[in-house]
C-alpha atoms as a PDB file:
ATOM      1  CA  ASP A   1       0.000   0.000   0.000  1.00  0.00           C
ATOM      2  CA  ARG A   2       2.977   2.389  -0.261  1.00  0.00           C
ATOM      3  CA  GLN A   3       3.776   3.079  -3.878  1.00  0.00           C
ATOM      4  CA  SER A   4       6.592   4.939  -5.579  1.00  0.00           C
ATOM      5  CA  VAL A   5       6.495   7.247  -8.567  1.00  0.00           C
ATOM      6  CA  ILE A   6       8.751   4.920 -10.521  1.00  0.00           C
ATOM      7  CA  ALA A   7       6.741   2.721 -12.877  1.00  0.00           C
ATOM      8  CA  ARG A   8       9.258   0.002 -13.708  1.00  0.00           C
ATOM      9  CA  GLN A   9      11.160  -0.545 -10.479  1.00  0.00           C
ATOM     10  CA  GLY A  10       9.444  -0.213  -7.140  1.00  0.00           C
ATOM     11  CA  PRO A  11       9.632  -1.475  -3.569  1.00  0.00           C
ATOM     12  CA  GLY A  12       7.231  -3.909  -1.982  1.00  0.00           C
ATOM     13  CA  TYR A  13       6.806  -6.786   0.412  1.00  0.00           C
ATOM     14  CA  ALA A  14       7.480 -10.347  -0.729  1.00  0.00           C
ATOM     15  CA  LEU A  15       4.634 -12.804  -0.217  1.00  0.00           C
ATOM     16  CA  ARG A  16       6.257 -16.208  -0.400  1.00  0.00           C
ATOM     17  CA  THR A  17       4.825 -19.624   0.310  1.00  0.00           C
ATOM     18  CA  GLU A  18       5.955 -22.984  -0.950  1.00  0.00           C
ATOM     19  CA  ASP A  19       2.656 -23.354  -2.817  1.00  0.00           C
ATOM     20  CA  LEU A  20       2.904 -20.048  -4.672  1.00  0.00           C
ATOM     21  CA  VAL A  21       6.581 -19.772  -5.637  1.00  0.00           C
ATOM     22  CA  VAL A  22       7.867 -21.716  -8.626  1.00  0.00           C
ATOM     23  CA  ASP A  23      11.169 -21.401 -10.418  1.00  0.00           C
ATOM     24  CA  SER A  24      11.520 -21.159 -14.189  1.00  0.00           C
ATOM     25  CA  TRP A  25      12.003 -24.932 -14.605  1.00  0.00           C
ATOM     26  CA  ASP A  26       8.775 -25.626 -12.656  1.00  0.00           C
ATOM     27  CA  PHE A  27       6.915 -23.082 -14.770  1.00  0.00           C
ATOM     28  CA  GLU A  28       8.041 -24.769 -17.970  1.00  0.00           C
ATOM     29  CA  ARG A  29       6.921 -28.131 -16.576  1.00  0.00           C
ATOM     30  CA  LEU A  30       3.534 -26.683 -15.689  1.00  0.00           C
ATOM     31  CA  LEU A  31       3.111 -25.390 -19.250  1.00  0.00           C
ATOM     32  CA  LEU A  32       3.808 -28.876 -20.579  1.00  0.00           C
ATOM     33  CA  GLN A  33       1.405 -30.539 -18.144  1.00  0.00           C
ATOM     34  CA  ALA A  34      -1.351 -28.054 -18.995  1.00  0.00           C
ATOM     35  CA  GLY A  35      -0.912 -28.668 -22.712  1.00  0.00           C
ATOM     36  CA  ALA A  36       0.043 -25.051 -23.344  1.00  0.00           C
ATOM     37  CA  ALA A  37       3.397 -26.126 -24.787  1.00  0.00           C
ATOM     38  CA  GLU A  38       4.201 -29.032 -27.062  1.00  0.00           C
ATOM     39  CA  SER A  39       7.822 -29.469 -26.031  1.00  0.00           C
ATOM     40  CA  ALA A  40      10.379 -28.297 -23.494  1.00  0.00           C
ATOM     41  CA  ALA A  41      11.806 -25.923 -26.084  1.00  0.00           C
ATOM     42  CA  ASP A  42       8.326 -24.524 -26.745  1.00  0.00           C
ATOM     43  CA  ALA A  43       7.747 -24.040 -23.006  1.00  0.00           C
ATOM     44  CA  HIS A  44      11.091 -22.261 -22.666  1.00  0.00           C
ATOM     45  CA  ARG A  45      10.178 -19.978 -25.581  1.00  0.00           C
ATOM     46  CA  LEU A  46       6.828 -19.099 -24.004  1.00  0.00           C
ATOM     47  CA  LEU A  47       8.536 -18.306 -20.699  1.00  0.00           C
ATOM     48  CA  ASP A  48      11.046 -16.026 -22.446  1.00  0.00           C
ATOM     49  CA  GLN A  49       8.207 -14.222 -24.225  1.00  0.00           C
ATOM     50  CA  ALA A  50       6.337 -13.719 -20.965  1.00  0.00           C
ATOM     51  CA  LEU A  51       9.401 -12.265 -19.247  1.00  0.00           C
ATOM     52  CA  ALA A  52      10.123 -10.011 -22.249  1.00  0.00           C
ATOM     53  CA  LEU A  53       6.612  -8.561 -22.087  1.00  0.00           C
ATOM     54  CA  TRP A  54       6.846  -7.795 -18.377  1.00  0.00           C
ATOM     55  CA  ARG A  55       7.167  -4.065 -17.767  1.00  0.00           C
ATOM     56  CA  GLY A  56       7.550  -3.961 -14.000  1.00  0.00           C
ATOM     57  CA  PRO A  57       4.160  -2.521 -12.931  1.00  0.00           C
ATOM     58  CA  ALA A  58       5.230  -0.907  -9.662  1.00  0.00           C
ATOM     59  CA  PHE A  59       1.777   0.625  -9.188  1.00  0.00           C
ATOM     60  CA  ALA A  60       0.067  -2.780  -8.982  1.00  0.00           C
ATOM     61  CA  ASP A  61      -1.133  -4.122  -5.632  1.00  0.00           C
ATOM     62  CA  HIS A  62       0.368  -7.530  -6.415  1.00  0.00           C
ATOM     63  CA  ILE A  63       2.708  -8.686  -9.174  1.00  0.00           C
ATOM     64  CA  VAL A  64       4.475 -11.915 -10.081  1.00  0.00           C
ATOM     65  CA  VAL A  65       8.153 -11.453 -10.919  1.00  0.00           C
ATOM     66  CA  SER A  66      11.161 -13.620 -11.525  1.00  0.00           C
ATOM     67  CA  GLU A  67      13.182 -14.178  -8.374  1.00  0.00           C
ATOM     68  CA  ASN A  68      16.135 -12.818 -10.368  1.00  0.00           C
ATOM     69  CA  SER A  69      14.359  -9.439 -10.479  1.00  0.00           C
ATOM     70  CA  ALA A  70      13.836  -9.215  -6.723  1.00  0.00           C
ATOM     71  CA  VAL A  71      16.542  -7.758  -4.484  1.00  0.00           C
ATOM     72  CA  HIS A  72      16.357  -7.926  -0.702  1.00  0.00           C
ATOM     73  CA  VAL A  73      16.797  -4.588   1.074  1.00  0.00           C
ATOM     74  CA  ASP A  74      16.908  -3.615   4.717  1.00  0.00           C
ATOM     75  CA  PRO A  75      13.315  -3.582   6.080  1.00  0.00           C
ATOM     76  CA  GLU A  76      14.053  -0.237   7.744  1.00  0.00           C
ATOM     77  CA  LEU A  77      14.836   1.438   4.407  1.00  0.00           C
ATOM     78  CA  PRO A  78      11.922   3.776   3.499  1.00  0.00           C
ATOM     79  CA  PHE A  79      10.094   2.777   0.322  1.00  0.00           C
ATOM     80  CA  GLU A  80      10.512   6.219  -1.250  1.00  0.00           C
ATOM     81  CA  THR A  81      14.286   5.800  -0.891  1.00  0.00           C
ATOM     82  CA  ALA A  82      14.298   2.187  -2.065  1.00  0.00           C
ATOM     83  CA  ALA A  83      12.361   3.213  -5.180  1.00  0.00           C
ATOM     84  CA  LEU A  84      15.131   5.599  -6.237  1.00  0.00           C
ATOM     85  CA  PHE A  85      17.870   3.076  -5.614  1.00  0.00           C
ATOM     86  CA  GLY A  86      15.951   0.506  -7.652  1.00  0.00           C
ATOM     87  CA  CYS A  87      16.739   2.269 -10.920  1.00  0.00           C
ATOM     88  CA  ALA A  88      17.590   5.959 -10.924  1.00  0.00           C
ATOM     89  CA  VAL A  89      20.629   5.997  -8.636  1.00  0.00           C
ATOM     90  CA  LEU A  90      22.158   2.785  -9.963  1.00  0.00           C
ATOM     91  CA  THR A  91      21.712   3.865 -13.579  1.00  0.00           C
ATOM     92  CA  GLY A  92      22.681   7.524 -13.269  1.00  0.00           C
ATOM     93  CA  VAL A  93      25.586   7.229 -10.856  1.00  0.00           C
ATOM     94  CA  GLY A  94      26.731   4.086 -12.649  1.00  0.00           C
ATOM     95  CA  ALA A  95      26.723   5.905 -15.992  1.00  0.00           C
ATOM     96  CA  ALA A  96      29.002   8.617 -14.629  1.00  0.00           C
ATOM     97  CA  ILE A  97      31.359   6.542 -12.505  1.00  0.00           C
ATOM     98  CA  ASN A  98      31.425   3.112 -14.141  1.00  0.00           C
ATOM     99  CA  SER A  99      30.507   3.566 -17.808  1.00  0.00           C
ATOM    100  CA  ALA A 100      32.005   7.022 -18.399  1.00  0.00           C
ATOM    101  CA  SER A 101      34.781   6.689 -15.809  1.00  0.00           C
ATOM    102  CA  VAL A 102      34.561  10.410 -15.080  1.00  0.00           C
ATOM    103  CA  ARG A 103      37.932  11.605 -13.790  1.00  0.00           C
ATOM    104  CA  PRO A 104      38.679  14.398 -11.329  1.00  0.00           C
ATOM    105  CA  GLY A 105      38.620  17.717 -13.165  1.00  0.00           C
ATOM    106  CA  ALA A 106      36.669  16.394 -16.161  1.00  0.00           C
ATOM    107  CA  THR A 107      33.925  18.391 -17.873  1.00  0.00           C
ATOM    108  CA  VAL A 108      30.542  16.646 -17.884  1.00  0.00           C
ATOM    109  CA  ALA A 109      27.158  17.501 -19.406  1.00  0.00           C
ATOM    110  CA  VAL A 110      23.975  15.711 -18.379  1.00  0.00           C
ATOM    111  CA  PHE A 111      20.988  15.943 -20.717  1.00  0.00           C
ATOM    112  CA  GLY A 112      17.678  15.326 -18.970  1.00  0.00           C
ATOM    113  CA  LEU A 113      17.160  15.781 -15.254  1.00  0.00           C
ATOM    114  CA  GLY A 114      14.757  13.064 -14.238  1.00  0.00           C
ATOM    115  CA  GLY A 115      15.746  10.587 -11.567  1.00  0.00           C
ATOM    116  CA  VAL A 116      18.485   9.085 -13.749  1.00  0.00           C
ATOM    117  CA  GLY A 117      19.860  12.424 -14.940  1.00  0.00           C
ATOM    118  CA  LEU A 118      19.966  13.964 -11.471  1.00  0.00           C
ATOM    119  CA  SER A 119      21.718  10.829 -10.246  1.00  0.00           C
ATOM    120  CA  ALA A 120      24.255  11.253 -13.052  1.00  0.00           C
ATOM    121  CA  VAL A 121      24.870  14.809 -11.821  1.00  0.00           C
ATOM    122  CA  MET A 122      25.515  13.430  -8.342  1.00  0.00           C
ATOM    123  CA  GLY A 123      27.753  10.733  -9.806  1.00  0.00           C
ATOM    124  CA  ALA A 124      29.817  13.337 -11.650  1.00  0.00           C
ATOM    125  CA  LYS A 125      30.130  15.381  -8.462  1.00  0.00           C
ATOM    126  CA  LEU A 126      31.130  12.268  -6.541  1.00  0.00           C
ATOM    127  CA  ALA A 127      33.830  11.665  -9.162  1.00  0.00           C
ATOM    128  CA  ASP A 128      35.070  15.235  -8.543  1.00  0.00           C
ATOM    129  CA  ALA A 129      34.312  16.518 -12.049  1.00  0.00           C
ATOM    130  CA  GLY A 130      35.674  20.000 -12.653  1.00  0.00           C
ATOM    131  CA  VAL A 131      32.638  21.329 -14.533  1.00  0.00           C
ATOM    132  CA  ILE A 132      29.134  19.843 -14.522  1.00  0.00           C
ATOM    133  CA  ILE A 133      26.552  21.215 -16.961  1.00  0.00           C
ATOM    134  CA  ALA A 134      22.881  20.292 -16.521  1.00  0.00           C
ATOM    135  CA  VAL A 135      20.444  20.476 -19.432  1.00  0.00           C
ATOM    136  CA  ASP A 136      16.646  20.398 -19.103  1.00  0.00           C
ATOM    137  CA  PRO A 137      13.683  22.514 -20.242  1.00  0.00           C
ATOM    138  CA  LEU A 138      12.152  22.700 -16.749  1.00  0.00           C
ATOM    139  CA  PRO A 139      13.559  25.459 -14.488  1.00  0.00           C
ATOM    140  CA  VAL A 140      12.612  23.574 -11.316  1.00  0.00           C
ATOM    141  CA  LYS A 141      14.761  20.642 -12.378  1.00  0.00           C
ATOM    142  CA  LEU A 142      17.642  22.902 -13.334  1.00  0.00           C
ATOM    143  CA  GLU A 143      17.561  24.501  -9.905  1.00  0.00           C
ATOM    144  CA  LEU A 144      17.545  21.078  -8.254  1.00  0.00           C
ATOM    145  CA  ALA A 145      20.542  20.082 -10.368  1.00  0.00           C
ATOM    146  CA  ARG A 146      22.352  23.189  -9.134  1.00  0.00           C
ATOM    147  CA  LYS A 147      21.722  22.136  -5.540  1.00  0.00           C
ATOM    148  CA  LEU A 148      23.072  18.675  -6.345  1.00  0.00           C
ATOM    149  CA  GLY A 149      26.329  19.973  -7.800  1.00  0.00           C
ATOM    150  CA  ALA A 150      25.822  21.377 -11.320  1.00  0.00           C
ATOM    151  CA  HIS A 151      27.964  24.418 -12.125  1.00  0.00           C
ATOM    152  CA  HIS A 152      26.108  25.588 -15.258  1.00  0.00           C
ATOM    153  CA  LEU A 153      22.459  25.280 -16.263  1.00  0.00           C
ATOM    154  CA  VAL A 154      21.223  25.169 -19.857  1.00  0.00           C
ATOM    155  CA  ASN A 155      17.582  25.409 -20.873  1.00  0.00           C
ATOM    156  CA  PRO A 156      17.285  24.003 -24.439  1.00  0.00           C
ATOM    157  CA  THR A 157      14.127  26.041 -25.053  1.00  0.00           C
ATOM    158  CA  GLU A 158      16.115  29.245 -24.622  1.00  0.00           C
ATOM    159  CA  ALA A 159      19.341  28.379 -26.443  1.00  0.00           C
ATOM    160  CA  ASP A 160      20.849  25.628 -28.553  1.00  0.00           C
ATOM    161  CA  ALA A 161      22.132  23.294 -25.845  1.00  0.00           C
ATOM    162  CA  ALA A 162      25.053  21.832 -27.805  1.00  0.00           C
ATOM    163  CA  ASN A 163      26.337  25.229 -28.955  1.00  0.00           C
ATOM    164  CA  ARG A 164      26.010  26.680 -25.470  1.00  0.00           C
ATOM    165  CA  ILE A 165      27.977  23.795 -23.963  1.00  0.00           C
ATOM    166  CA  VAL A 166      30.700  24.143 -26.593  1.00  0.00           C
ATOM    167  CA  GLU A 167      30.962  27.829 -25.670  1.00  0.00           C
ATOM    168  CA  LEU A 168      31.090  27.122 -21.931  1.00  0.00           C
ATOM    169  CA  THR A 169      33.839  24.519 -22.315  1.00  0.00           C
ATOM    170  CA  ALA A 170      35.800  25.976 -25.231  1.00  0.00           C
ATOM    171  CA  GLY A 171      35.235  22.973 -27.459  1.00  0.00           C
ATOM    172  CA  GLY A 172      32.874  20.530 -25.780  1.00  0.00           C
ATOM    173  CA  VAL A 173      32.729  18.313 -22.712  1.00  0.00           C
ATOM    174  CA  ASP A 174      34.827  15.276 -21.902  1.00  0.00           C
ATOM    175  CA  VAL A 175      31.674  13.288 -21.152  1.00  0.00           C
ATOM    176  CA  ALA A 176      28.079  13.863 -22.261  1.00  0.00           C
ATOM    177  CA  ILE A 177      25.363  11.705 -20.699  1.00  0.00           C
ATOM    178  CA  GLU A 178      21.940  11.483 -22.333  1.00  0.00           C
ATOM    179  CA  ALA A 179      19.234  10.483 -19.829  1.00  0.00           C
ATOM    180  CA  VAL A 180      16.058  11.256 -21.739  1.00  0.00           C
ATOM    181  CA  GLY A 181      15.553   8.393 -24.173  1.00  0.00           C
ATOM    182  CA  SER A 182      15.356  10.641 -27.235  1.00  0.00           C
ATOM    183  CA  ALA A 183      17.370  10.325 -30.438  1.00  0.00           C
ATOM    184  CA  ALA A 184      17.266  14.111 -30.900  1.00  0.00           C
ATOM    185  CA  VAL A 185      18.665  14.683 -27.406  1.00  0.00           C
ATOM    186  CA  LEU A 186      21.298  12.007 -27.958  1.00  0.00           C
ATOM    187  CA  GLN A 187      22.325  13.808 -31.136  1.00  0.00           C
ATOM    188  CA  ALA A 188      22.672  17.066 -29.159  1.00  0.00           C
ATOM    189  CA  ALA A 189      24.757  15.278 -26.529  1.00  0.00           C
ATOM    190  CA  TYR A 190      27.035  13.944 -29.262  1.00  0.00           C
ATOM    191  CA  ALA A 191      27.422  17.440 -30.720  1.00  0.00           C
ATOM    192  CA  ALA A 192      28.346  18.779 -27.277  1.00  0.00           C
ATOM    193  CA  THR A 193      31.159  16.229 -26.807  1.00  0.00           C
ATOM    194  CA  ARG A 194      34.707  17.353 -27.495  1.00  0.00           C
ATOM    195  CA  ARG A 195      37.047  15.576 -29.865  1.00  0.00           C
ATOM    196  CA  GLY A 196      38.196  12.406 -28.136  1.00  0.00           C
ATOM    197  CA  GLY A 197      35.421  12.644 -25.564  1.00  0.00           C
ATOM    198  CA  ALA A 198      32.697  10.138 -24.743  1.00  0.00           C
ATOM    199  CA  THR A 199      28.948  10.288 -25.336  1.00  0.00           C
ATOM    200  CA  LEU A 200      26.829   7.900 -23.288  1.00  0.00           C
ATOM    201  CA  THR A 201      23.122   7.191 -23.329  1.00  0.00           C
ATOM    202  CA  ALA A 202      21.281   5.961 -20.272  1.00  0.00           C
ATOM    203  CA  GLY A 203      17.916   6.354 -22.002  1.00  0.00           C
ATOM    204  CA  LEU A 204      16.106   4.126 -24.478  1.00  0.00           C
ATOM    205  CA  PRO A 205      14.689   5.944 -27.538  1.00  0.00           C
ATOM    206  CA  HIS A 206      11.657   4.574 -29.339  1.00  0.00           C
ATOM    207  CA  PRO A 207      12.606   1.888 -31.904  1.00  0.00           C
ATOM    208  CA  ASP A 208      11.292   4.093 -34.724  1.00  0.00           C
ATOM    209  CA  GLU A 209      13.619   6.982 -33.859  1.00  0.00           C
ATOM    210  CA  GLN A 210      16.760   7.368 -35.950  1.00  0.00           C
ATOM    211  CA  LEU A 211      20.087   8.894 -34.890  1.00  0.00           C
ATOM    212  CA  ALA A 212      21.772  10.984 -37.586  1.00  0.00           C
ATOM    213  CA  ILE A 213      25.377  12.072 -37.105  1.00  0.00           C
ATOM    214  CA  PRO A 214      28.090  13.002 -39.629  1.00  0.00           C
ATOM    215  CA  ALA A 215      29.933   9.784 -40.406  1.00  0.00           C
ATOM    216  CA  PRO A 216      33.391  11.449 -40.723  1.00  0.00           C
ATOM    217  CA  SER A 217      33.056  12.738 -37.147  1.00  0.00           C
ATOM    218  CA  LEU A 218      33.425   9.176 -35.855  1.00  0.00           C
ATOM    219  CA  ALA A 219      36.977   9.144 -37.143  1.00  0.00           C
ATOM    220  CA  ALA A 220      37.847  12.835 -37.004  1.00  0.00           C
ATOM    221  CA  GLN A 221      36.572  13.404 -33.483  1.00  0.00           C
END
């Protein structure tokens, strides 16, 4: 009865009894016994399809998930905190520290200041980045990013974000992190990255979206 605002990862209490919990092998056997699958391979395929369709409905009262998707946390940890650690903090901080390997003194731009983007700002600060630039069209999020460690704020509705970042850094950032899930924003992040820098995406654009970048830049920059 305590829900988070995160739709795909959320906290909850585990209801576990020997009669209700089955592992993947048991589930495949049940499909065979029920006649829903013609072979073990068919049952395995159906199980994979079911898991692929699962979207993590954190707003549901009860859900059935793979035991591999459940992580035990301290019972005293508040749900609103556990919800953030379930996705946003791990993804955003991980993008800055693990994937981008932000070094002390580096210049970093974060595009999109949702839970993941704000966590990336904190990750860059934790890595002791020299300059952190936050990009988002919402002033309230930009102000929050400032409180979390951003040195410069860019509103893309007021100025071209990539050009502004290039001006602020005299050539582009060492690391640009896209946390929106938009091909257009990813393209802007790429344009804001200096020669030899790294552009990372922590978002997931729609499959129909296309990313267009100058092919020679992959070698020249």
